[in-house]
Amino acid sequence: MARWIMQVLGLVAFGGLLGFIGVTLILNLFGVADEQARQMSKSWWNRAWGAPDRDPADIRQDPGFLIGNYIVGGGALLLGVAAVIGSIVLLVGGPSD
């Protein structure tokens, strides 16, 4: 198999993985955001600074948590889509050597 076809397929797989991670974060598939909120509520960093433990439900409803989740998830999703589109363009365009 030609080297550029393997590179394109690798880029498609990487883009698909990034897109899946983005969708997982945005839609809270598999409870990823719930687990992040639980870990943040019982963080050793908060205990070191003397902050009390918070309820994970309160953290999930915090605007900063929601915005951060959408920014990271949306960024991963967009990068994945860009990688897949770029790989399709490379596949159609052929090798540049």
PDB file of N, CA and C in Angstrom:
ATOM      1  N   MET A   1       0.854  -1.169   0.000  1.00  0.00           N
ATOM      2  CA  MET A   1       0.000   0.000   0.000  1.00  0.00           C
ATOM      3  C   MET A   1       0.901   1.234   0.000  1.00  0.00           C
ATOM      4  N   ALA A   2       0.510   2.211  -0.756  1.00  0.00           N
ATOM      5  CA  ALA A   2       1.311   3.431  -0.855  1.00  0.00           C
ATOM      6  C   ALA A   2       1.385   4.129   0.496  1.00  0.00           C
ATOM      7  N   ARG A   3       2.503   4.772   0.719  1.00  0.00           N
ATOM      8  CA  ARG A   3       2.739   5.420   2.007  1.00  0.00           C
ATOM      9  C   ARG A   3       1.726   6.526   2.263  1.00  0.00           C
ATOM     10  N   TRP A   4       1.391   7.299   1.249  1.00  0.00           N
ATOM     11  CA  TRP A   4       0.464   8.415   1.463  1.00  0.00           C
ATOM     12  C   TRP A   4      -0.935   7.924   1.779  1.00  0.00           C
ATOM     13  N   ILE A   5      -1.330   6.755   1.271  1.00  0.00           N
ATOM     14  CA  ILE A   5      -2.645   6.211   1.612  1.00  0.00           C
ATOM     15  C   ILE A   5      -2.664   5.799   3.088  1.00  0.00           C
ATOM     16  N   MET A   6      -1.568   5.216   3.551  1.00  0.00           N
ATOM     17  CA  MET A   6      -1.498   4.850   4.976  1.00  0.00           C
ATOM     18  C   MET A   6      -1.516   6.093   5.853  1.00  0.00           C
ATOM     19  N   GLN A   7      -0.860   7.159   5.429  1.00  0.00           N
ATOM     20  CA  GLN A   7      -0.884   8.399   6.199  1.00  0.00           C
ATOM     21  C   GLN A   7      -2.288   8.993   6.232  1.00  0.00           C
ATOM     22  N   VAL A   8      -2.980   8.939   5.095  1.00  0.00           N
ATOM     23  CA  VAL A   8      -4.350   9.462   5.044  1.00  0.00           C
ATOM     24  C   VAL A   8      -5.263   8.643   5.950  1.00  0.00           C
ATOM     25  N   LEU A   9      -5.130   7.331   5.912  1.00  0.00           N
ATOM     26  CA  LEU A   9      -5.962   6.490   6.779  1.00  0.00           C
ATOM     27  C   LEU A   9      -5.651   6.735   8.253  1.00  0.00           C
ATOM     28  N   GLY A  10      -4.391   6.949   8.566  1.00  0.00           N
ATOM     29  CA  GLY A  10      -4.018   7.286   9.938  1.00  0.00           C
ATOM     30  C   GLY A  10      -4.620   8.608  10.370  1.00  0.00           C
ATOM     31  N   LEU A  11      -4.636   9.582   9.463  1.00  0.00           N
ATOM     32  CA  LEU A  11      -5.224  10.881   9.775  1.00  0.00           C
ATOM     33  C   LEU A  11      -6.734  10.772   9.945  1.00  0.00           C
ATOM     34  N   VAL A  12      -7.378   9.938   9.139  1.00  0.00           N
ATOM     35  CA  VAL A  12      -8.819   9.715   9.301  1.00  0.00           C
ATOM     36  C   VAL A  12      -9.110   9.097  10.668  1.00  0.00           C
ATOM     37  N   ALA A  13      -8.308   8.107  11.044  1.00  0.00           N
ATOM     38  CA  ALA A  13      -8.514   7.465  12.350  1.00  0.00           C
ATOM     39  C   ALA A  13      -8.284   8.449  13.492  1.00  0.00           C
ATOM     40  N   PHE A  14      -7.231   9.268  13.382  1.00  0.00           N
ATOM     41  CA  PHE A  14      -6.953  10.262  14.421  1.00  0.00           C
ATOM     42  C   PHE A  14      -8.075  11.290  14.498  1.00  0.00           C
ATOM     43  N   GLY A  15      -8.567  11.748  13.355  1.00  0.00           N
ATOM     44  CA  GLY A  15      -9.683  12.692  13.339  1.00  0.00           C
ATOM     45  C   GLY A  15     -10.947  12.091  13.920  1.00  0.00           C
ATOM     46  N   GLY A  16     -11.196  10.821  13.597  1.00  0.00           N
ATOM     47  CA  GLY A  16     -12.361  10.147  14.169  1.00  0.00           C
ATOM     48  C   GLY A  16     -12.263  10.022  15.674  1.00  0.00           C
ATOM     49  N   LEU A  17     -11.067   9.737  16.163  1.00  0.00           N
ATOM     50  CA  LEU A  17     -10.857   9.642  17.611  1.00  0.00           C
ATOM     51  C   LEU A  17     -11.080  10.993  18.286  1.00  0.00           C
ATOM     52  N   LEU A  18     -10.513  12.059  17.706  1.00  0.00           N
ATOM     53  CA  LEU A  18     -10.721  13.387  18.286  1.00  0.00           C
ATOM     54  C   LEU A  18     -12.192  13.780  18.262  1.00  0.00           C
ATOM     55  N   GLY A  19     -12.870  13.489  17.153  1.00  0.00           N
ATOM     56  CA  GLY A  19     -14.296  13.794  17.068  1.00  0.00           C
ATOM     57  C   GLY A  19     -15.103  13.026  18.096  1.00  0.00           C
ATOM     58  N   PHE A  20     -14.763  11.754  18.303  1.00  0.00           N
ATOM     59  CA  PHE A  20     -15.463  10.942  19.297  1.00  0.00           C
ATOM     60  C   PHE A  20     -15.230  11.488  20.700  1.00  0.00           C
ATOM     61  N   ILE A  21     -14.006  11.906  20.995  1.00  0.00           N
ATOM     62  CA  ILE A  21     -13.710  12.492  22.309  1.00  0.00           C
ATOM     63  C   ILE A  21     -14.521  13.774  22.497  1.00  0.00           C
ATOM     64  N   GLY A  22     -14.597  14.597  21.452  1.00  0.00           N
ATOM     65  CA  GLY A  22     -15.372  15.835  21.541  1.00  0.00           C
ATOM     66  C   GLY A  22     -16.841  15.582  21.786  1.00  0.00           C
ATOM     67  N   VAL A  23     -17.420  14.639  21.062  1.00  0.00           N
ATOM     68  CA  VAL A  23     -18.835  14.308  21.259  1.00  0.00           C
ATOM     69  C   VAL A  23     -19.055  13.730  22.652  1.00  0.00           C
ATOM     70  N   THR A  24     -18.119  12.908  23.111  1.00  0.00           N
ATOM     71  CA  THR A  24     -18.230  12.320  24.445  1.00  0.00           C
ATOM     72  C   THR A  24     -18.245  13.402  25.520  1.00  0.00           C
ATOM     73  N   LEU A  25     -17.393  14.411  25.376  1.00  0.00           N
ATOM     74  CA  LEU A  25     -17.355  15.473  26.379  1.00  0.00           C
ATOM     75  C   LEU A  25     -18.589  16.359  26.312  1.00  0.00           C
ATOM     76  N   ILE A  26     -19.012  16.725  25.109  1.00  0.00           N
ATOM     77  CA  ILE A  26     -20.145  17.641  24.980  1.00  0.00           C
ATOM     78  C   ILE A  26     -21.442  16.993  25.446  1.00  0.00           C
ATOM     79  N   LEU A  27     -21.690  15.750  25.042  1.00  0.00           N
ATOM     80  CA  LEU A  27     -22.948  15.087  25.361  1.00  0.00           C
ATOM     81  C   LEU A  27     -22.909  14.298  26.659  1.00  0.00           C
ATOM     82  N   ASN A  28     -21.771  14.314  27.353  1.00  0.00           N
ATOM     83  CA  ASN A  28     -21.591  13.589  28.610  1.00  0.00           C
ATOM     84  C   ASN A  28     -21.879  12.101  28.440  1.00  0.00           C
ATOM     85  N   LEU A  29     -21.396  11.556  27.308  1.00  0.00           N
ATOM     86  CA  LEU A  29     -21.535  10.114  27.107  1.00  0.00           C
ATOM     87  C   LEU A  29     -20.673   9.382  28.125  1.00  0.00           C
ATOM     88  N   PHE A  30     -21.119   8.259  28.575  1.00  0.00           N
ATOM     89  CA  PHE A  30     -20.401   7.407  29.525  1.00  0.00           C
ATOM     90  C   PHE A  30     -20.148   8.106  30.859  1.00  0.00           C
ATOM     91  N   GLY A  31     -20.818   9.217  31.142  1.00  0.00           N
ATOM     92  CA  GLY A  31     -20.657   9.909  32.418  1.00  0.00           C
ATOM     93  C   GLY A  31     -19.319  10.590  32.606  1.00  0.00           C
ATOM     94  N   VAL A  32     -18.685  11.005  31.510  1.00  0.00           N
ATOM     95  CA  VAL A  32     -17.351  11.621  31.598  1.00  0.00           C
ATOM     96  C   VAL A  32     -17.402  12.927  32.379  1.00  0.00           C
ATOM     97  N   ALA A  33     -18.348  13.795  32.064  1.00  0.00           N
ATOM     98  CA  ALA A  33     -18.442  15.074  32.767  1.00  0.00           C
ATOM     99  C   ALA A  33     -18.848  14.862  34.225  1.00  0.00           C
ATOM    100  N   ASP A  34     -19.681  13.864  34.476  1.00  0.00           N
ATOM    101  CA  ASP A  34     -20.064  13.560  35.856  1.00  0.00           C
ATOM    102  C   ASP A  34     -18.842  13.133  36.674  1.00  0.00           C
ATOM    103  N   GLU A  35     -17.983  12.311  36.068  1.00  0.00           N
ATOM    104  CA  GLU A  35     -16.777  11.860  36.764  1.00  0.00           C
ATOM    105  C   GLU A  35     -15.808  13.016  36.988  1.00  0.00           C
ATOM    106  N   GLN A  36     -15.695  13.914  36.005  1.00  0.00           N
ATOM    107  CA  GLN A  36     -14.837  15.082  36.184  1.00  0.00           C
ATOM    108  C   GLN A  36     -15.340  15.943  37.338  1.00  0.00           C
ATOM    109  N   ALA A  37     -16.646  16.144  37.404  1.00  0.00           N
ATOM    110  CA  ALA A  37     -17.219  16.937  38.491  1.00  0.00           C
ATOM    111  C   ALA A  37     -16.999  16.261  39.836  1.00  0.00           C
ATOM    112  N   ARG A  38     -17.120  14.937  39.882  1.00  0.00           N
ATOM    113  CA  ARG A  38     -16.889  14.213  41.140  1.00  0.00           C
ATOM    114  C   ARG A  38     -15.445  14.358  41.592  1.00  0.00           C
ATOM    115  N   GLN A  39     -14.510  14.239  40.646  1.00  0.00           N
ATOM    116  CA  GLN A  39     -13.099  14.392  41.007  1.00  0.00           C
ATOM    117  C   GLN A  39     -12.777  15.821  41.449  1.00  0.00           C
ATOM    118  N   MET A  40     -13.403  16.796  40.802  1.00  0.00           N
ATOM    119  CA  MET A  40     -13.168  18.185  41.191  1.00  0.00           C
ATOM    120  C   MET A  40     -13.745  18.483  42.569  1.00  0.00           C
ATOM    121  N   SER A  41     -14.848  17.817  42.922  1.00  0.00           N
ATOM    122  CA  SER A  41     -15.482  18.090  44.211  1.00  0.00           C
ATOM    123  C   SER A  41     -14.645  17.578  45.378  1.00  0.00           C
ATOM    124  N   LYS A  42     -13.839  16.550  45.150  1.00  0.00           N
ATOM    125  CA  LYS A  42     -13.026  15.973  46.216  1.00  0.00           C
ATOM    126  C   LYS A  42     -11.535  16.124  45.906  1.00  0.00           C
ATOM    127  N   SER A  43     -11.172  17.249  45.321  1.00  0.00           N
ATOM    128  CA  SER A  43      -9.797  17.480  44.896  1.00  0.00           C
ATOM    129  C   SER A  43      -8.872  17.690  46.090  1.00  0.00           C
ATOM    130  N   TRP A  44      -7.670  17.136  46.012  1.00  0.00           N
ATOM    131  CA  TRP A  44      -6.670  17.347  47.068  1.00  0.00           C
ATOM    132  C   TRP A  44      -6.228  18.807  47.073  1.00  0.00           C
ATOM    133  N   TRP A  45      -6.336  19.451  45.929  1.00  0.00           N
ATOM    134  CA  TRP A  45      -5.941  20.863  45.827  1.00  0.00           C
ATOM    135  C   TRP A  45      -6.855  21.729  46.701  1.00  0.00           C
ATOM    136  N   ASN A  46      -8.157  21.448  46.676  1.00  0.00           N
ATOM    137  CA  ASN A  46      -9.102  22.196  47.512  1.00  0.00           C
ATOM    138  C   ASN A  46      -8.831  21.937  48.988  1.00  0.00           C
ATOM    139  N   ARG A  47      -8.530  20.696  49.336  1.00  0.00           N
ATOM    140  CA  ARG A  47      -8.232  20.382  50.737  1.00  0.00           C
ATOM    141  C   ARG A  47      -6.964  21.085  51.196  1.00  0.00           C
ATOM    142  N   ALA A  48      -5.976  21.176  50.301  1.00  0.00           N
ATOM    143  CA  ALA A  48      -4.720  21.841  50.666  1.00  0.00           C
ATOM    144  C   ALA A  48      -4.946  23.320  50.943  1.00  0.00           C
ATOM    145  N   TRP A  49      -5.889  23.921  50.237  1.00  0.00           N
ATOM    146  CA  TRP A  49      -6.186  25.338  50.440  1.00  0.00           C
ATOM    147  C   TRP A  49      -7.273  25.562  51.474  1.00  0.00           C
ATOM    148  N   GLY A  50      -7.803  24.497  52.043  1.00  0.00           N
ATOM    149  CA  GLY A  50      -8.805  24.619  53.093  1.00  0.00           C
ATOM    150  C   GLY A  50     -10.212  24.852  52.581  1.00  0.00           C
ATOM    151  N   ALA A  51     -10.435  24.653  51.290  1.00  0.00           N
ATOM    152  CA  ALA A  51     -11.781  24.821  50.729  1.00  0.00           C
ATOM    153  C   ALA A  51     -12.615  23.576  51.054  1.00  0.00           C
ATOM    154  N   PRO A  52     -13.877  23.764  51.369  1.00  0.00           N
ATOM    155  CA  PRO A  52     -14.714  22.597  51.683  1.00  0.00           C
ATOM    156  C   PRO A  52     -15.046  21.793  50.423  1.00  0.00           C
ATOM    157  N   ASP A  53     -15.341  20.514  50.629  1.00  0.00           N
ATOM    158  CA  ASP A  53     -15.785  19.687  49.509  1.00  0.00           C
ATOM    159  C   ASP A  53     -17.144  20.185  49.033  1.00  0.00           C
ATOM    160  N   ARG A  54     -17.322  20.178  47.711  1.00  0.00           N
ATOM    161  CA  ARG A  54     -18.590  20.632  47.124  1.00  0.00           C
ATOM    162  C   ARG A  54     -19.342  19.439  46.562  1.00  0.00           C
ATOM    163  N   ASP A  55     -20.621  19.627  46.397  1.00  0.00           N
ATOM    164  CA  ASP A  55     -21.455  18.589  45.789  1.00  0.00           C
ATOM    165  C   ASP A  55     -21.173  18.552  44.285  1.00  0.00           C
ATOM    166  N   PRO A  56     -20.951  17.363  43.710  1.00  0.00           N
ATOM    167  CA  PRO A  56     -20.686  17.282  42.268  1.00  0.00           C
ATOM    168  C   PRO A  56     -21.805  17.873  41.407  1.00  0.00           C
ATOM    169  N   ALA A  57     -23.054  17.795  41.874  1.00  0.00           N
ATOM    170  CA  ALA A  57     -24.164  18.372  41.108  1.00  0.00           C
ATOM    171  C   ALA A  57     -24.034  19.885  41.018  1.00  0.00           C
ATOM    172  N   ASP A  58     -23.550  20.521  42.097  1.00  0.00           N
ATOM    173  CA  ASP A  58     -23.331  21.966  42.061  1.00  0.00           C
ATOM    174  C   ASP A  58     -22.221  22.330  41.076  1.00  0.00           C
ATOM    175  N   ILE A  59     -21.190  21.521  41.029  1.00  0.00           N
ATOM    176  CA  ILE A  59     -20.091  21.793  40.113  1.00  0.00           C
ATOM    177  C   ILE A  59     -20.549  21.639  38.667  1.00  0.00           C
ATOM    178  N   ARG A  60     -21.364  20.612  38.387  1.00  0.00           N
ATOM    179  CA  ARG A  60     -21.859  20.404  37.022  1.00  0.00           C
ATOM    180  C   ARG A  60     -22.731  21.556  36.556  1.00  0.00           C
ATOM    181  N   GLN A  61     -23.413  22.236  37.470  1.00  0.00           N
ATOM    182  CA  GLN A  61     -24.287  23.345  37.099  1.00  0.00           C
ATOM    183  C   GLN A  61     -23.553  24.687  37.079  1.00  0.00           C
ATOM    184  N   ASP A  62     -22.305  24.689  37.528  1.00  0.00           N
ATOM    185  CA  ASP A  62     -21.514  25.919  37.534  1.00  0.00           C
ATOM    186  C   ASP A  62     -21.267  26.381  36.096  1.00  0.00           C
ATOM    187  N   PRO A  63     -21.480  27.668  35.797  1.00  0.00           N
ATOM    188  CA  PRO A  63     -21.273  28.144  34.427  1.00  0.00           C
ATOM    189  C   PRO A  63     -19.841  27.939  33.918  1.00  0.00           C
ATOM    190  N   GLY A  64     -18.861  28.075  34.780  1.00  0.00           N
ATOM    191  CA  GLY A  64     -17.478  27.871  34.358  1.00  0.00           C
ATOM    192  C   GLY A  64     -17.215  26.440  33.920  1.00  0.00           C
ATOM    193  N   PHE A  65     -17.794  25.485  34.632  1.00  0.00           N
ATOM    194  CA  PHE A  65     -17.636  24.072  34.270  1.00  0.00           C
ATOM    195  C   PHE A  65     -18.313  23.787  32.939  1.00  0.00           C
ATOM    196  N   LEU A  66     -19.516  24.314  32.753  1.00  0.00           N
ATOM    197  CA  LEU A  66     -20.246  24.079  31.504  1.00  0.00           C
ATOM    198  C   LEU A  66     -19.530  24.704  30.313  1.00  0.00           C
ATOM    199  N   ILE A  67     -19.078  25.937  30.478  1.00  0.00           N
ATOM    200  CA  ILE A  67     -18.371  26.624  29.388  1.00  0.00           C
ATOM    201  C   ILE A  67     -17.070  25.898  29.060  1.00  0.00           C
ATOM    202  N   GLY A  68     -16.326  25.512  30.077  1.00  0.00           N
ATOM    203  CA  GLY A  68     -15.081  24.793  29.852  1.00  0.00           C
ATOM    204  C   GLY A  68     -15.311  23.456  29.168  1.00  0.00           C
ATOM    205  N   ASN A  69     -16.366  22.762  29.571  1.00  0.00           N
ATOM    206  CA  ASN A  69     -16.691  21.478  28.957  1.00  0.00           C
ATOM    207  C   ASN A  69     -17.029  21.654  27.483  1.00  0.00           C
ATOM    208  N   TYR A  70     -17.810  22.686  27.149  1.00  0.00           N
ATOM    209  CA  TYR A  70     -18.168  22.921  25.753  1.00  0.00           C
ATOM    210  C   TYR A  70     -16.978  23.408  24.933  1.00  0.00           C
ATOM    211  N   ILE A  71     -16.107  24.201  25.537  1.00  0.00           N
ATOM    212  CA  ILE A  71     -14.936  24.684  24.799  1.00  0.00           C
ATOM    213  C   ILE A  71     -13.984  23.528  24.487  1.00  0.00           C
ATOM    214  N   VAL A  72     -13.676  22.708  25.476  1.00  0.00           N
ATOM    215  CA  VAL A  72     -12.759  21.584  25.259  1.00  0.00           C
ATOM    216  C   VAL A  72     -13.394  20.545  24.332  1.00  0.00           C
ATOM    217  N   GLY A  73     -14.641  20.187  24.590  1.00  0.00           N
ATOM    218  CA  GLY A  73     -15.319  19.200  23.748  1.00  0.00           C
ATOM    219  C   GLY A  73     -15.534  19.698  22.330  1.00  0.00           C
ATOM    220  N   GLY A  74     -15.973  20.947  22.199  1.00  0.00           N
ATOM    221  CA  GLY A  74     -16.173  21.519  20.868  1.00  0.00           C
ATOM    222  C   GLY A  74     -14.872  21.679  20.112  1.00  0.00           C
ATOM    223  N   GLY A  75     -13.801  22.047  20.822  1.00  0.00           N
ATOM    224  CA  GLY A  75     -12.494  22.160  20.174  1.00  0.00           C
ATOM    225  C   GLY A  75     -12.007  20.822  19.659  1.00  0.00           C
ATOM    226  N   ALA A  76     -12.147  19.788  20.462  1.00  0.00           N
ATOM    227  CA  ALA A  76     -11.745  18.442  20.026  1.00  0.00           C
ATOM    228  C   ALA A  76     -12.593  17.982  18.848  1.00  0.00           C
ATOM    229  N   LEU A  77     -13.880  18.275  18.897  1.00  0.00           N
ATOM    230  CA  LEU A  77     -14.768  17.895  17.804  1.00  0.00           C
ATOM    231  C   LEU A  77     -14.387  18.612  16.518  1.00  0.00           C
ATOM    232  N   LEU A  78     -14.127  19.906  16.598  1.00  0.00           N
ATOM    233  CA  LEU A  78     -13.753  20.669  15.404  1.00  0.00           C
ATOM    234  C   LEU A  78     -12.400  20.231  14.853  1.00  0.00           C
ATOM    235  N   LEU A  79     -11.443  19.957  15.727  1.00  0.00           N
ATOM    236  CA  LEU A  79     -10.149  19.473  15.254  1.00  0.00           C
ATOM    237  C   LEU A  79     -10.287  18.107  14.578  1.00  0.00           C
ATOM    238  N   GLY A  80     -11.120  17.255  15.126  1.00  0.00           N
ATOM    239  CA  GLY A  80     -11.356  15.956  14.509  1.00  0.00           C
ATOM    240  C   GLY A  80     -12.006  16.079  13.146  1.00  0.00           C
ATOM    241  N   VAL A  81     -12.987  16.958  13.040  1.00  0.00           N
ATOM    242  CA  VAL A  81     -13.649  17.169  11.747  1.00  0.00           C
ATOM    243  C   VAL A  81     -12.660  17.755  10.739  1.00  0.00           C
ATOM    244  N   ALA A  82     -11.831  18.695  11.178  1.00  0.00           N
ATOM    245  CA  ALA A  82     -10.830  19.279  10.282  1.00  0.00           C
ATOM    246  C   ALA A  82      -9.823  18.235   9.817  1.00  0.00           C
ATOM    247  N   ALA A  83      -9.434  17.329  10.706  1.00  0.00           N
ATOM    248  CA  ALA A  83      -8.491  16.270  10.324  1.00  0.00           C
ATOM    249  C   ALA A  83      -9.119  15.324   9.312  1.00  0.00           C
ATOM    250  N   VAL A  84     -10.376  14.963   9.507  1.00  0.00           N
ATOM    251  CA  VAL A  84     -11.045  14.063   8.566  1.00  0.00           C
ATOM    252  C   VAL A  84     -11.216  14.747   7.206  1.00  0.00           C
ATOM    253  N   ILE A  85     -11.642  16.005   7.205  1.00  0.00           N
ATOM    254  CA  ILE A  85     -11.804  16.726   5.936  1.00  0.00           C
ATOM    255  C   ILE A  85     -10.453  16.886   5.242  1.00  0.00           C
ATOM    256  N   GLY A  86      -9.425  17.223   6.007  1.00  0.00           N
ATOM    257  CA  GLY A  86      -8.093  17.343   5.423  1.00  0.00           C
ATOM    258  C   GLY A  86      -7.598  16.037   4.848  1.00  0.00           C
ATOM    259  N   SER A  87      -7.890  14.946   5.509  1.00  0.00           N
ATOM    260  CA  SER A  87      -7.448  13.648   4.987  1.00  0.00           C
ATOM    261  C   SER A  87      -8.203  13.273   3.723  1.00  0.00           C
ATOM    262  N   ILE A  88      -9.464  13.640   3.630  1.00  0.00           N
ATOM    263  CA  ILE A  88     -10.224  13.379   2.403  1.00  0.00           C
ATOM    264  C   ILE A  88      -9.656  14.200   1.253  1.00  0.00           C
ATOM    265  N   VAL A  89      -9.302  15.448   1.517  1.00  0.00           N
ATOM    266  CA  VAL A  89      -8.686  16.285   0.491  1.00  0.00           C
ATOM    267  C   VAL A  89      -7.354  15.683   0.051  1.00  0.00           C
ATOM    268  N   LEU A  90      -6.561  15.195   1.005  1.00  0.00           N
ATOM    269  CA  LEU A  90      -5.291  14.554   0.652  1.00  0.00           C
ATOM    270  C   LEU A  90      -5.508  13.285  -0.172  1.00  0.00           C
ATOM    271  N   LEU A  91      -6.514  12.526   0.171  1.00  0.00           N
ATOM    272  CA  LEU A  91      -6.792  11.288  -0.544  1.00  0.00           C
ATOM    273  C   LEU A  91      -7.213  11.569  -1.985  1.00  0.00           C
ATOM    274  N   VAL A  92      -8.077  12.570  -2.168  1.00  0.00           N
ATOM    275  CA  VAL A  92      -8.546  12.912  -3.506  1.00  0.00           C
ATOM    276  C   VAL A  92      -7.422  13.572  -4.316  1.00  0.00           C
ATOM    277  N   GLY A  93      -6.632  14.426  -3.665  1.00  0.00           N
ATOM    278  CA  GLY A  93      -5.572  15.154  -4.360  1.00  0.00           C
ATOM    279  C   GLY A  93      -4.393  14.297  -4.741  1.00  0.00           C
ATOM    280  N   GLY A  94      -4.180  13.223  -4.061  1.00  0.00           N
ATOM    281  CA  GLY A  94      -3.048  12.353  -4.364  1.00  0.00           C
ATOM    282  C   GLY A  94      -1.762  12.864  -3.731  1.00  0.00           C
ATOM    283  N   PRO A  95      -0.685  12.135  -3.924  1.00  0.00           N
ATOM    284  CA  PRO A  95       0.584  12.528  -3.300  1.00  0.00           C
ATOM    285  C   PRO A  95       1.162  13.791  -3.957  1.00  0.00           C
ATOM    286  N   SER A  96       1.856  14.573  -3.156  1.00  0.00           N
ATOM    287  CA  SER A  96       2.439  15.813  -3.686  1.00  0.00           C
ATOM    288  C   SER A  96       3.891  15.639  -4.094  1.00  0.00           C
ATOM    289  N   ASP A  97       4.470  14.410  -3.950  1.00  0.00           N
ATOM    290  CA  ASP A  97       5.868  14.229  -4.335  1.00  0.00           C
ATOM    291  C   ASP A  97       5.991  14.011  -5.813  1.00  0.00           C
TER     292      ASP A  97
END
